[in-house]
Structures are given as structure tokens and as C-alpha cells.
Amino acid sequence: MAKNISSKKTNYANNRPNCLKVTKKAQKVNLQKVKVKDEKGNVVSVRLSAREIRSLKNA
């Protein structure tokens, strides 16, 4: 079971079609399963956003 350790939430924005009728739309976070080593060296499966995964690879 992957733990969701990301603090990101769903963003709500306006949907504006050509008739200019405003409705709300949900922009979901791009969460992906990744295996990461913890402090003890154990491999743990976690759910991170794509931006957090990219920052981990660069660190």
C-alpha cells in the first residue's frame, strides 16, 4: 500500500467556453507511485506528485 505523503490538493478553476458561461472544474494533482529509500535503507512505496519526483531526482 503506497502512502500519500504529498501535501498538494485539488485546484478548482473556472471553465470558460465560448458562450462565457462560468462553471467550476477540478484540476487534479498528478500523483504517481514511486519507491523511495527511507533513513534506515528500507524501500518504501509512496505517492508523490510529478514535480516532487523531479525535485528528488535532482537532489
C-alpha atoms as a PDB file:
ATOM      1  CA  MET A   1       0.000   0.000   0.000  1.00  0.00           C
ATOM      2  CA  ALA A   2       1.514   3.296  -1.089  1.00  0.00           C
ATOM      3  CA  LYS A   3       1.356   6.160   1.399  1.00  0.00           C
ATOM      4  CA  ASN A   4       0.204   9.547   0.150  1.00  0.00           C
ATOM      5  CA  ILE A   5       2.799  11.937   1.639  1.00  0.00           C
ATOM      6  CA  SER A   6       2.184  14.784  -0.790  1.00  0.00           C
ATOM      7  CA  SER A   7       0.512  17.863   0.695  1.00  0.00           C
ATOM      8  CA  LYS A   8      -0.919  19.013  -2.638  1.00  0.00           C
ATOM      9  CA  LYS A   9      -4.703  19.325  -3.004  1.00  0.00           C
ATOM     10  CA  THR A  10      -7.153  19.551  -5.910  1.00  0.00           C
ATOM     11  CA  ASN A  11      -7.255  23.012  -7.504  1.00  0.00           C
ATOM     12  CA  TYR A  12     -10.631  24.441  -8.546  1.00  0.00           C
ATOM     13  CA  ALA A  13     -10.692  26.825 -11.505  1.00  0.00           C
ATOM     14  CA  ASN A  14     -13.257  28.327 -13.841  1.00  0.00           C
ATOM     15  CA  ASN A  15     -14.268  26.611 -17.079  1.00  0.00           C
ATOM     16  CA  ARG A  16     -14.941  29.322 -19.710  1.00  0.00           C
ATOM     17  CA  PRO A  17     -16.395  28.038 -23.011  1.00  0.00           C
ATOM     18  CA  ASN A  18     -17.217  30.269 -26.000  1.00  0.00           C
ATOM     19  CA  CYS A  19     -20.627  31.204 -24.558  1.00  0.00           C
ATOM     20  CA  LEU A  20     -18.803  32.573 -21.445  1.00  0.00           C
ATOM     21  CA  LYS A  21     -20.927  30.532 -19.033  1.00  0.00           C
ATOM     22  CA  VAL A  22     -18.772  30.065 -15.918  1.00  0.00           C
ATOM     23  CA  THR A  23     -18.679  26.630 -14.291  1.00  0.00           C
ATOM     24  CA  LYS A  24     -16.181  25.182 -11.841  1.00  0.00           C
ATOM     25  CA  LYS A  25     -13.753  22.474 -12.917  1.00  0.00           C
ATOM     26  CA  ALA A  26     -11.383  20.412 -10.793  1.00  0.00           C
ATOM     27  CA  GLN A  27      -7.694  20.198 -11.692  1.00  0.00           C
ATOM     28  CA  LYS A  28      -6.369  17.016 -10.110  1.00  0.00           C
ATOM     29  CA  VAL A  29      -2.804  16.567  -8.872  1.00  0.00           C
ATOM     30  CA  ASN A  30      -0.557  14.278 -10.915  1.00  0.00           C
ATOM     31  CA  LEU A  31       0.188  11.689  -8.187  1.00  0.00           C
ATOM     32  CA  GLN A  32       2.379   8.727  -9.098  1.00  0.00           C
ATOM     33  CA  LYS A  33       3.668   5.682  -7.209  1.00  0.00           C
ATOM     34  CA  VAL A  34       7.407   5.741  -6.548  1.00  0.00           C
ATOM     35  CA  LYS A  35       9.696   3.538  -4.470  1.00  0.00           C
ATOM     36  CA  VAL A  36      11.974   5.578  -2.186  1.00  0.00           C
ATOM     37  CA  LYS A  37      14.585   4.566   0.388  1.00  0.00           C
ATOM     38  CA  ASP A  38      13.958   5.838   3.904  1.00  0.00           C
ATOM     39  CA  GLU A  39      16.539   6.742   6.578  1.00  0.00           C
ATOM     40  CA  LYS A  40      17.053   3.103   7.582  1.00  0.00           C
ATOM     41  CA  GLY A  41      17.645   1.992   3.993  1.00  0.00           C
ATOM     42  CA  ASN A  42      14.274   0.264   3.580  1.00  0.00           C
ATOM     43  CA  VAL A  43      12.419   0.659   0.290  1.00  0.00           C
ATOM     44  CA  VAL A  44       9.001   2.279   0.787  1.00  0.00           C
ATOM     45  CA  SER A  45       6.275   2.795  -1.828  1.00  0.00           C
ATOM     46  CA  VAL A  46       4.885   6.344  -1.700  1.00  0.00           C
ATOM     47  CA  ARG A  47       2.629   8.534  -3.849  1.00  0.00           C
ATOM     48  CA  LEU A  48       4.256  11.813  -4.880  1.00  0.00           C
ATOM     49  CA  SER A  49       3.379  14.493  -7.383  1.00  0.00           C
ATOM     50  CA  ALA A  50       5.355  14.654 -10.626  1.00  0.00           C
ATOM     51  CA  ARG A  51       7.059  17.901  -9.538  1.00  0.00           C
ATOM     52  CA  GLU A  52       8.200  16.337  -6.239  1.00  0.00           C
ATOM     53  CA  ILE A  53       9.576  13.277  -8.071  1.00  0.00           C
ATOM     54  CA  ARG A  54      11.564  15.560 -10.400  1.00  0.00           C
ATOM     55  CA  SER A  55      12.986  17.523  -7.474  1.00  0.00           C
ATOM     56  CA  LEU A  56      14.018  14.286  -5.708  1.00  0.00           C
ATOM     57  CA  LYS A  57      15.937  13.125  -8.786  1.00  0.00           C
ATOM     58  CA  ASN A  58      17.818  16.430  -8.963  1.00  0.00           C
ATOM     59  CA  ALA A  59      18.708  16.425  -5.253  1.00  0.00           C
END
